[in-house]
Structure formats: structure tokens, C-alpha cells
Amino acid sequence: MQPTNLDSAHHAQLVPLAEAAAHFHVSTKTLRRRIADGTITGYRVGRLIRVDLNELTQRLVVTIPSAHSA
């Protein structure tokens, strides 16, 4: 695993997994699985793992198509 350059993520809103999990009503285990499978990016800050709330909003929040839009 290579370190990520945070210059490209300077607008990131990094929060602990527990805070992000509570915000999106998922478990921290779900977030850890998503980091492991590459769906979302995890950032290590010392021994702690953080995630970017902006990225989670883009990747986890999905529009459900309605029957009327078909």
C-alpha cells in the first residue's frame, strides 16, 4: 500500500470511522469492508483510520430510480 498524497485531497473532511458510520447509519464494519474492497478510500492518521465524508456522500448515496422515470 502506497501513501496517498493529501494535496489532491486538501478539501477532504476526514472523520473517524465511528462518526462516519453514525452519519450514514451503517456499521464501522461496513466501512472497513468498503475500504478493504477499494470502494472507498481510508486514510491512516497515526494509528487511526479516517474517511472523507465528501467521498462517502458521492460513493454511498445512490439515487433509486422511480417507476415514473422509466
Foldseek 3Di string as FASTA:
>chain_A
DDADDCVVVVVFDKDALVVLCVVVVHDSVVVVVCCVVVLFPWHDDPNTIIGGSVSCCVRVDDDDDDPVVD
